Each structure stands twice: as C-alpha cells, then as structure tokens.
Amino acid sequence: MATGEDSTDPFDAGAGGLLRQPKAVWATAGASVVAFMGIGLVDPILPSIAQGLDATASQVSLLFTSYFLITAIAMLVTGFVSSRIGGRKTLLLGLALVVVFAGLAGTSGSVAELVGFRAGWGLGNALFVSTALAVIVGAAAGGSAAAILLYESALGLGMACGPLLGALLGDASWRYPFFGTAFLMAVGFLCITVFLKEQPVPARKTGLLDPLRALGHGGLASAAASSFFYNYTFFTVLAFTPFVLDMTPYKSGAVFFAWGVLLAVFSVFVAPRLQARFGSLKVLGGSLVLLAADVLALGYGSHTTAIVCTVLSGAFIGVNNTVYTELALGVSDAPRPVASAGYNFVRWFAAAAAPFFAPKIEEWSDIHMPFVVAAITAVLGAAVVVVRRASLTHEATELEPRHATEDGVTVFAN
C-alpha cells in the first residue's frame, strides 16, 4: 500500500493476516512493545526526577532531547550496520545497549549523567526499532498491511504501558522504572535469541549516506517534512504536558495510560477503516488539523480540560502514526529499510527539539505559548500534505506489488 488512497481494510485478510504470525514475529513485536515503553516511561516521573536531582523542567526535558537526538543521527547508521551483520544481530546489539544504559540511568547521581545514559539508550533503541520494523515486515504473514498493524500495535501498547509502568515503579523511586526497563529488555533479548533465526545478510550493503540520498525522492521528502512538524506537536504533548498537569506519578500515569490506549485503538482499528473510506491524505490532513485544535484547548483550558485533551490527543496521534508509517514505507521506490531510515532521520529531530524548546518558550513567554507553537506546527504538517499532495499520491497508481525482496523486505517497484 503506497499511500493508502486505495487502501483496503487489512482485517479483510482474515485473522491469519494479523494474529497467526510466526513466533519470530511475536518475539520481535513483544520486544518492540518494551522498546516503545521506554519513550513514555519517564513521563509520569519527570517532576519526581526534577525534585530528586534538584533540576529544572528544561533540564529534565533534556532526557527526551538527548534520547531522540542520538536516535535521529543513529538512523544513518542502522542500515549500514544491519546490512553487514544481519537483522538478528542488529536487534540483539540494540537490545544489549538498552539493557546497559537503562540500568546505568537508574544509578545516575545528576541530571547530566542521566541525560548521557539516555543518549546511549537512544542509540540502542534506534538500532532495535528501525530493524524491528524491517524484520516484522519481512517475516509477517498476511503482507505489509498486517505487518504495519502489528508494528503500530506494539507502538500503541508500549506507549500505553510505558507511563503506567513508570507510575507504578516510580511511586517508590524515580530510579526503579529504569531498572524495570533494563529487566524487560533483557527478557526481550532472550526471546529474540530463542525464537528469531539468523537473518541472511543482504547482498546489497547500505551506505551511510543512502538514507539521505533516498530523501531526494519528492514523495519521501514531503512525508518526512510533514512528519517533522507533526512530531514537534506530538512530543510537546508527551514531554511538556506532565509539567502542566502537575499531578502525582499515579495520576499522571493514569492519564497517559488512557492516552496510550486511545493511540493504540485508533492506530490499529480506526485508521485503516478511515483510510479505506476517505483516503490516507484526507485522513492525515484532517487529523492534523484536529490535533492542532486539541492542543490549543489543552493549553488554554482548565485543568480538567487539559486532562481530557491530553487523552483525546492519543486518538489523533494514533491515526497519524499509522498513515505516516505507510507513507514512509510505500511512497518511494527505495528499499524500505533505507526509506525508513531517511524518514526517521528527519522526524526524530523534531522529537529532540520539542522537549527542549517547549520549556524554554514557557520561560520566555507564558504557559500557553508552547501549545500555540505546537498547534502551528500541526497545521504546517497538514499544509505540507496539501501542497505536496501530487508527490505523495502519484506513486499510488504506478507501484505494483512484486514478490521479490530487497534487504530481506518485500518491496514495490514500477
């Protein structure tokens, strides 16, 4: 499915398309859940970390910035590594790095140490997450639609459970969620070791600059640019809202658990049906505009309104995540791992920028302005979709599926 303008309901393939998957796919998807848990894990404990390490909100927000900055840069390395040592070894290397640095994060004695360990964690997560998508797409039964749904299910479940785990463990100490993540990723390491067979090393090795060259394709560059603006909005909600809500870890964890549940439901069940009825780009543009309205209400509403809008944003984020993933994987004729790396290289910079700038904008102005900026970036993301619609859709009528594979992943060709 290139852009989803003529997308079909992936559930039409039957349960076998989504649920009857090889053990290797479930092992990879399960480890992906834990990997995505690490993103939202610190959400409910950000105030606790700030208090425990005598740090400001902007200093603690660097936990996200360092994590995603390294993740973005590492996207240029992931394909280079996996095309030389194979998908399985790359997954295990990424998991091992997360286990080490998540454990070290729990021992931090200062914000600087914690930020540094989160950077190492980001490198491991980049190696794992980017390769996991390629492995799932290549090994899943039912084609790419089922594989993308599995990946988005893992993302949604991880996003939902991360804040909940952070709240439950963080209520005793802000250090425990980091130790808990290290333990769960160690379990994932064992599952991948047991259930995922050695992956063949691709015949064609990926160069360090291949993801950047892939961005020369107008459709992929447009998807990445739109996603860059969207991700700034997304991570303003994720990283800055906990300071606005100013709740206990349990209450904050409950809010973001509900947010994650909506994200998962709309990503897996709602987005495909909306795409089938209205087309991907109309769904994406409308969802981005609604997200902009939601974050404005979040920033200017009462405390209760802020809670409701935080939870509701998960619905729009879930829809957007699914559509953007499909665009990134199908809009160009570059090998999917390469296209995904180029796309993620661009969008994760926004995930690094938002947690840094949102508290700074509050310091320079007031509590409302970070959400005004986030609303503007969501609208800019929608504007890119409208202006670059031709680049994002013309491939849909030209690309036909074929059974050949490239870098271990089924690809589409003219």
Protein backbone atom coordinates (compact mmCIF):
# COMPACT_ATOMS: atom_id res chain seq x y z
CA MET A 1 0.00 0.00 0.00
CA ALA A 2 1.76 3.08 -1.21
CA THR A 3 -0.28 5.94 0.12
CA GLY A 4 -3.49 4.30 1.11
CA GLU A 5 -5.61 6.29 -1.35
CA ASP A 6 -7.00 2.98 -2.48
CA SER A 7 -6.20 1.16 0.72
CA THR A 8 -8.11 -1.91 1.71
CA ASP A 9 -9.08 -2.97 5.17
CA PRO A 10 -6.19 -5.10 6.43
CA PHE A 11 -8.60 -7.09 8.53
CA ASP A 12 -10.22 -8.42 5.34
CA ALA A 13 -7.28 -10.77 5.05
CA GLY A 14 -8.70 -12.71 7.94
CA ALA A 15 -7.32 -13.47 11.36
CA GLY A 16 -4.40 -15.22 9.76
CA GLY A 17 -3.24 -11.92 8.37
CA LEU A 18 -2.84 -10.33 11.77
CA LEU A 19 -2.94 -12.91 14.53
CA ARG A 20 -1.43 -16.07 13.07
CA GLN A 21 2.16 -14.98 12.93
CA PRO A 22 5.43 -16.90 13.30
CA LYS A 23 6.99 -16.98 16.75
CA ALA A 24 9.84 -14.82 15.48
CA VAL A 25 7.37 -12.06 14.62
CA TRP A 26 5.72 -12.19 18.04
CA ALA A 27 9.10 -12.18 19.77
CA THR A 28 10.18 -9.12 17.80
CA ALA A 29 6.84 -7.39 18.33
CA GLY A 30 6.95 -8.14 22.06
CA ALA A 31 10.42 -6.66 22.39
CA SER A 32 9.19 -3.67 20.38
CA VAL A 33 6.47 -3.07 22.97
CA VAL A 34 9.13 -2.73 25.66
CA ALA A 35 11.27 -0.54 23.39
CA PHE A 36 8.37 1.87 22.90
CA MET A 37 7.60 1.74 26.61
CA GLY A 38 10.95 3.42 27.13
CA ILE A 39 9.73 6.54 25.30
CA GLY A 40 6.85 7.32 27.64
CA LEU A 41 8.32 5.67 30.70
CA VAL A 42 9.68 8.90 32.16
CA ASP A 43 6.51 10.92 31.55
CA PRO A 44 4.81 10.48 34.95
CA ILE A 45 8.11 10.73 36.86
CA LEU A 46 9.53 13.88 35.21
CA PRO A 47 8.53 16.07 38.19
CA SER A 48 9.91 13.43 40.58
CA ILE A 49 13.21 13.32 38.70
CA ALA A 50 13.40 17.11 38.78
CA GLN A 51 12.81 17.06 42.53
CA GLY A 52 15.14 14.13 43.21
CA LEU A 53 18.03 15.61 41.23
CA ASP A 54 17.29 19.25 42.08
CA ALA A 55 16.77 20.15 38.42
CA THR A 56 14.53 22.48 36.43
CA ALA A 57 11.85 21.38 33.97
CA SER A 58 14.01 22.40 31.00
CA GLN A 59 16.96 20.39 32.35
CA VAL A 60 14.85 17.28 32.88
CA SER A 61 13.31 17.65 29.42
CA LEU A 62 16.80 17.02 28.04
CA LEU A 63 16.09 13.35 28.83
CA PHE A 64 13.94 13.37 25.70
CA THR A 65 16.22 15.66 23.70
CA SER A 66 19.38 13.59 24.16
CA TYR A 67 17.45 10.37 23.55
CA PHE A 68 15.89 11.48 20.26
CA LEU A 69 18.86 13.47 19.01
CA ILE A 70 21.03 10.37 19.17
CA THR A 71 18.16 8.31 17.75
CA ALA A 72 17.93 10.65 14.74
CA ILE A 73 21.64 10.59 14.00
CA ALA A 74 21.79 6.83 14.54
CA MET A 75 19.26 6.36 11.72
CA LEU A 76 22.14 6.91 9.30
CA VAL A 77 23.99 4.04 10.95
CA THR A 78 21.28 1.42 11.45
CA GLY A 79 21.05 0.33 7.81
CA PHE A 80 24.83 0.39 7.48
CA VAL A 81 25.11 -1.98 10.46
CA SER A 82 22.17 -4.30 9.71
CA SER A 83 23.18 -4.76 6.06
CA ARG A 84 26.57 -6.03 7.24
CA ILE A 85 25.78 -8.17 10.27
CA GLY A 86 22.14 -9.08 9.59
CA GLY A 87 18.85 -8.16 11.23
CA ARG A 88 19.03 -10.58 14.16
CA LYS A 89 22.46 -9.46 15.34
CA THR A 90 21.47 -5.81 14.95
CA LEU A 91 18.36 -6.37 17.08
CA LEU A 92 20.43 -8.08 19.76
CA LEU A 93 23.06 -5.33 19.69
CA GLY A 94 20.37 -2.68 20.13
CA LEU A 95 18.70 -4.58 22.97
CA ALA A 96 22.03 -5.09 24.73
CA LEU A 97 22.78 -1.36 24.59
CA VAL A 98 19.34 -0.52 26.01
CA VAL A 99 19.79 -3.01 28.87
CA VAL A 100 23.16 -1.49 29.79
CA PHE A 101 22.22 2.19 29.52
CA ALA A 102 18.75 1.86 31.05
CA GLY A 103 20.34 0.15 34.03
CA LEU A 104 23.01 2.83 34.27
CA ALA A 105 20.33 5.55 34.07
CA GLY A 106 18.85 4.21 37.29
CA THR A 107 22.17 4.77 39.06
CA SER A 108 22.54 8.41 37.95
CA GLY A 109 23.62 10.95 40.53
CA SER A 110 22.98 14.04 38.42
CA VAL A 111 20.87 15.23 35.52
CA ALA A 112 23.99 15.34 33.32
CA GLU A 113 24.67 11.64 33.95
CA LEU A 114 21.04 10.72 33.34
CA VAL A 115 20.94 12.69 30.09
CA GLY A 116 24.14 10.98 28.93
CA PHE A 117 22.85 7.50 29.71
CA ARG A 118 19.57 8.31 27.91
CA ALA A 119 21.67 9.18 24.85
CA GLY A 120 23.25 5.72 24.92
CA TRP A 121 19.78 4.27 25.40
CA GLY A 122 18.67 6.17 22.30
CA LEU A 123 21.42 4.61 20.21
CA GLY A 124 20.36 1.11 21.25
CA ASN A 125 16.71 1.90 20.67
CA ALA A 126 17.43 3.25 17.18
CA LEU A 127 19.28 0.08 16.20
CA PHE A 128 16.47 -2.06 17.53
CA VAL A 129 13.35 -0.15 16.43
CA SER A 130 14.40 0.56 12.84
CA THR A 131 15.49 -3.04 12.32
CA ALA A 132 12.44 -4.48 14.09
CA LEU A 133 10.08 -2.90 11.54
CA ALA A 134 12.06 -4.41 8.66
CA VAL A 135 12.12 -7.84 10.36
CA ILE A 136 8.38 -7.78 11.09
CA VAL A 137 7.51 -6.67 7.55
CA GLY A 138 9.76 -9.35 6.07
CA ALA A 139 8.59 -12.23 8.28
CA ALA A 140 4.91 -11.45 8.95
CA ALA A 141 2.12 -13.48 7.40
CA GLY A 142 -0.57 -11.55 5.57
CA GLY A 143 1.57 -8.98 3.78
CA SER A 144 2.74 -5.49 4.61
CA ALA A 145 -0.65 -4.26 5.86
CA ALA A 146 -0.72 -6.87 8.64
CA ALA A 147 2.95 -6.21 9.43
CA ILE A 148 2.40 -2.46 9.78
CA LEU A 149 -0.61 -3.09 12.03
CA LEU A 150 1.49 -5.36 14.23
CA TYR A 151 4.20 -2.74 14.45
CA GLU A 152 1.70 0.02 15.24
CA SER A 153 0.04 -2.28 17.80
CA ALA A 154 3.40 -2.69 19.51
CA LEU A 155 3.92 1.07 19.40
CA GLY A 156 0.50 1.79 20.86
CA LEU A 157 0.74 -0.85 23.57
CA GLY A 158 4.22 0.33 24.50
CA MET A 159 3.13 3.96 24.61
CA ALA A 160 0.19 2.99 26.83
CA CYS A 161 2.12 0.73 29.21
CA GLY A 162 5.23 2.92 29.48
CA PRO A 163 3.60 5.68 31.57
CA LEU A 164 1.75 3.07 33.64
CA LEU A 165 4.97 1.19 34.45
CA GLY A 166 6.71 4.49 35.13
CA ALA A 167 3.97 5.47 37.57
CA LEU A 168 3.81 2.13 39.38
CA LEU A 169 7.56 1.78 39.85
CA GLY A 170 8.25 5.50 40.08
CA ASP A 171 5.95 5.97 43.05
CA ALA A 172 8.58 4.25 45.19
CA SER A 173 11.59 5.82 43.49
CA TRP A 174 12.22 7.53 40.16
CA ARG A 175 15.11 5.10 39.67
CA TYR A 176 13.01 1.93 39.60
CA PRO A 177 11.40 2.47 36.15
CA PHE A 178 14.86 2.49 34.58
CA PHE A 179 15.81 -0.76 36.30
CA GLY A 180 12.45 -2.24 35.28
CA THR A 181 13.04 -1.36 31.64
CA ALA A 182 16.51 -2.90 31.72
CA PHE A 183 15.00 -6.13 33.07
CA LEU A 184 12.21 -6.26 30.47
CA MET A 185 14.61 -5.59 27.62
CA ALA A 186 16.81 -8.39 28.91
CA VAL A 187 13.76 -10.67 28.61
CA GLY A 188 13.27 -9.37 25.06
CA PHE A 189 16.91 -10.17 24.33
CA LEU A 190 16.34 -13.77 25.40
CA CYS A 191 13.15 -14.06 23.32
CA ILE A 192 14.88 -12.78 20.18
CA THR A 193 17.79 -15.14 20.85
CA VAL A 194 15.49 -18.17 21.12
CA PHE A 195 12.77 -17.50 18.53
CA LEU A 196 14.35 -15.43 15.77
CA LYS A 197 16.57 -17.37 13.40
CA GLU A 198 19.72 -15.87 11.97
CA GLN A 199 18.80 -13.34 9.28
CA PRO A 200 20.62 -13.52 5.94
CA VAL A 201 22.99 -10.63 5.32
CA PRO A 202 21.62 -8.65 2.35
CA ALA A 203 23.52 -8.93 -0.91
CA ARG A 204 23.49 -5.15 -1.22
CA LYS A 205 25.14 -3.27 1.62
CA THR A 206 23.66 0.05 2.71
CA GLY A 207 25.96 3.07 2.71
CA LEU A 208 25.95 5.70 5.45
CA LEU A 209 24.59 8.33 3.06
CA ASP A 210 21.95 6.12 1.37
CA PRO A 211 19.12 7.35 3.67
CA LEU A 212 19.97 10.95 2.78
CA ARG A 213 20.03 10.09 -0.92
CA ALA A 214 16.61 8.45 -0.55
CA LEU A 215 15.26 11.80 0.62
CA GLY A 216 15.91 13.09 -2.88
CA HIS A 217 12.61 11.45 -3.79
CA GLY A 218 9.93 14.15 -3.63
CA GLY A 219 7.30 11.94 -2.03
CA LEU A 220 9.54 10.65 0.74
CA ALA A 221 10.96 14.13 1.39
CA SER A 222 7.41 15.51 1.63
CA ALA A 223 6.33 12.77 4.04
CA ALA A 224 9.41 13.40 6.19
CA ALA A 225 8.89 17.18 6.21
CA SER A 226 5.24 16.87 7.19
CA SER A 227 6.12 14.32 9.87
CA PHE A 228 8.82 16.65 11.22
CA PHE A 229 6.20 19.32 12.01
CA TYR A 230 3.77 16.71 13.35
CA ASN A 231 6.37 15.17 15.65
CA TYR A 232 7.10 18.55 17.19
CA THR A 233 3.44 18.69 18.21
CA PHE A 234 3.42 15.05 19.33
CA PHE A 235 6.40 15.42 21.64
CA THR A 236 5.26 18.74 23.02
CA VAL A 237 2.25 16.83 24.33
CA LEU A 238 4.34 13.91 25.55
CA ALA A 239 7.25 15.76 27.17
CA PHE A 240 5.82 19.10 28.30
CA THR A 241 2.26 18.28 29.38
CA PRO A 242 3.29 16.40 32.58
CA PHE A 243 4.64 19.68 33.98
CA VAL A 244 1.40 21.46 33.06
CA LEU A 245 -0.80 18.79 34.64
CA ASP A 246 1.41 18.76 37.76
CA MET A 247 -0.05 15.51 39.13
CA THR A 248 1.26 12.64 41.23
CA PRO A 249 3.02 9.83 39.33
CA TYR A 250 -0.04 7.59 39.72
CA LYS A 251 -2.48 10.17 38.37
CA SER A 252 -0.17 11.28 35.59
CA GLY A 253 0.47 7.65 34.69
CA ALA A 254 -3.28 7.00 34.52
CA VAL A 255 -3.78 9.98 32.18
CA PHE A 256 -1.05 8.86 29.81
CA PHE A 257 -2.17 5.24 30.01
CA ALA A 258 -5.60 6.33 28.77
CA TRP A 259 -3.82 8.43 26.14
CA GLY A 260 -1.83 5.39 25.02
CA VAL A 261 -4.91 3.17 24.88
CA LEU A 262 -6.60 5.63 22.52
CA LEU A 263 -3.40 5.82 20.49
CA ALA A 264 -3.34 2.04 20.10
CA VAL A 265 -7.05 1.67 19.30
CA PHE A 266 -7.10 4.44 16.69
CA SER A 267 -3.81 3.31 15.18
CA VAL A 268 -4.81 -0.33 14.74
CA PHE A 269 -8.60 -0.33 14.37
CA VAL A 270 -9.78 3.12 13.35
CA ALA A 271 -7.09 4.44 11.00
CA PRO A 272 -7.33 1.59 8.43
CA ARG A 273 -11.10 1.99 8.17
CA LEU A 274 -10.86 5.76 7.80
CA GLN A 275 -8.21 5.31 5.11
CA ALA A 276 -10.36 2.82 3.22
CA ARG A 277 -13.27 5.23 3.20
CA PHE A 278 -11.66 8.65 2.73
CA GLY A 279 -8.09 8.03 1.55
CA SER A 280 -4.89 8.43 3.52
CA LEU A 281 -4.09 12.04 2.73
CA LYS A 282 -7.55 13.37 3.57
CA VAL A 283 -7.45 11.43 6.84
CA LEU A 284 -3.97 12.69 7.65
CA GLY A 285 -4.74 16.32 6.87
CA GLY A 286 -7.97 16.29 8.87
CA SER A 287 -6.36 14.53 11.82
CA LEU A 288 -3.52 17.06 11.94
CA VAL A 289 -5.94 20.00 11.98
CA LEU A 290 -8.00 18.37 14.75
CA LEU A 291 -4.80 17.73 16.71
CA ALA A 292 -3.94 21.43 16.40
CA ALA A 293 -7.34 22.40 17.82
CA ASP A 294 -6.92 19.86 20.60
CA VAL A 295 -3.54 21.16 21.78
CA LEU A 296 -4.83 24.73 21.74
CA ALA A 297 -7.67 23.66 24.02
CA LEU A 298 -5.15 21.81 26.16
CA GLY A 299 -3.04 24.92 26.58
CA TYR A 300 -5.85 27.38 27.29
CA GLY A 301 -8.43 25.22 29.05
CA SER A 302 -8.97 24.41 32.71
CA HIS A 303 -7.07 21.61 34.45
CA THR A 304 -9.90 19.18 33.68
CA THR A 305 -9.94 20.30 30.05
CA ALA A 306 -6.17 19.79 29.86
CA ILE A 307 -6.57 16.21 31.11
CA VAL A 308 -9.36 15.44 28.62
CA CYS A 309 -7.47 16.99 25.70
CA THR A 310 -4.27 15.13 26.64
CA VAL A 311 -6.12 11.82 26.50
CA LEU A 312 -8.00 12.80 23.33
CA SER A 313 -4.77 13.70 21.53
CA GLY A 314 -3.89 10.00 21.61
CA ALA A 315 -6.64 9.34 19.06
CA PHE A 316 -5.24 11.80 16.53
CA ILE A 317 -1.66 10.71 17.19
CA GLY A 318 -2.63 7.06 16.63
CA VAL A 319 -4.20 7.85 13.25
CA ASN A 320 -1.25 9.98 12.19
CA ASN A 321 1.34 7.36 13.18
CA THR A 322 -0.27 4.67 11.03
CA VAL A 323 -0.64 6.87 7.95
CA TYR A 324 2.88 8.29 8.19
CA THR A 325 4.39 4.82 8.57
CA GLU A 326 2.67 3.63 5.41
CA LEU A 327 3.68 6.75 3.51
CA ALA A 328 7.32 6.36 4.54
CA LEU A 329 7.42 2.69 3.54
CA GLY A 330 5.50 2.91 0.28
CA VAL A 331 5.79 6.32 -1.33
CA SER A 332 9.25 5.85 -2.87
CA ASP A 333 10.95 3.01 -4.69
CA ALA A 334 13.94 3.00 -2.32
CA PRO A 335 14.47 -0.18 -0.27
CA ARG A 336 12.19 0.04 2.72
CA PRO A 337 14.93 -0.02 5.39
CA VAL A 338 16.69 2.83 3.58
CA ALA A 339 13.50 4.85 3.08
CA SER A 340 12.52 4.31 6.71
CA ALA A 341 15.95 5.42 7.92
CA GLY A 342 15.84 8.63 5.88
CA TYR A 343 12.32 9.41 7.02
CA ASN A 344 13.14 8.75 10.68
CA PHE A 345 16.37 10.76 10.45
CA VAL A 346 14.27 13.84 9.69
CA ARG A 347 11.32 13.34 12.02
CA TRP A 348 13.27 12.41 15.16
CA PHE A 349 14.99 15.78 15.09
CA ALA A 350 11.60 17.30 15.88
CA ALA A 351 11.17 14.82 18.73
CA ALA A 352 14.51 16.09 20.08
CA ALA A 353 13.62 19.76 19.57
CA ALA A 354 10.16 19.88 21.15
CA PRO A 355 11.14 18.80 24.70
CA PHE A 356 13.96 21.35 24.66
CA PHE A 357 12.09 24.32 23.23
CA ALA A 358 8.71 23.90 24.94
CA PRO A 359 10.01 24.72 28.47
CA LYS A 360 12.21 27.47 27.04
CA ILE A 361 9.23 29.03 25.27
CA GLU A 362 7.33 28.96 28.56
CA GLU A 363 10.24 30.72 30.29
CA TRP A 364 10.37 33.36 27.55
CA SER A 365 6.59 33.92 27.44
CA ASP A 366 3.91 32.01 29.38
CA ILE A 367 2.44 28.53 29.92
CA HIS A 368 0.14 28.83 26.90
CA MET A 369 2.65 29.69 24.19
CA PRO A 370 4.28 26.21 23.87
CA PHE A 371 0.89 24.83 22.88
CA VAL A 372 0.30 27.67 20.42
CA VAL A 373 3.58 26.75 18.73
CA ALA A 374 2.60 23.06 18.78
CA ALA A 375 -0.74 23.89 17.15
CA ILE A 376 1.03 25.88 14.45
CA THR A 377 3.42 23.01 13.67
CA ALA A 378 0.50 20.59 13.35
CA VAL A 379 -1.15 22.93 10.84
CA LEU A 380 2.16 23.24 8.97
CA GLY A 381 2.28 19.44 8.76
CA ALA A 382 -1.20 19.45 7.21
CA ALA A 383 -0.16 22.25 4.82
CA VAL A 384 2.75 20.16 3.53
CA VAL A 385 0.31 17.30 2.84
CA VAL A 386 -1.96 19.62 0.85
CA VAL A 387 0.77 21.43 -1.07
CA ARG A 388 2.77 18.27 -1.84
CA ARG A 389 -0.25 16.06 -2.48
CA ALA A 390 0.85 15.23 -6.03
CA SER A 391 4.23 13.93 -4.82
CA LEU A 392 2.55 11.87 -2.12
CA THR A 393 -0.06 10.28 -4.41
CA HIS A 394 1.37 9.83 -7.90
CA GLU A 395 3.19 6.64 -6.95
CA ALA A 396 -0.08 5.01 -5.90
CA THR A 397 -1.13 4.27 -9.47
CA GLU A 398 2.34 3.31 -10.65
CA LEU A 399 3.58 0.95 -7.96
CA GLU A 400 2.57 -2.69 -8.21
CA PRO A 401 3.47 -5.38 -5.68
CA ARG A 402 6.02 -7.95 -6.60
CA HIS A 403 7.33 -11.00 -4.79
CA ALA A 404 10.99 -10.11 -4.98
CA THR A 405 12.64 -8.90 -1.82
CA GLU A 406 15.32 -6.36 -1.18
CA ASP A 407 17.31 -6.31 2.03
CA GLY A 408 15.01 -9.04 3.31
CA VAL A 409 11.87 -6.91 2.97
CA THR A 410 9.20 -7.16 0.28
CA VAL A 411 9.35 -4.04 -1.84
CA PHE A 412 7.26 -2.35 -4.52
CA ALA A 413 8.52 -1.43 -7.94
CA ASN A 414 7.28 0.42 -11.03
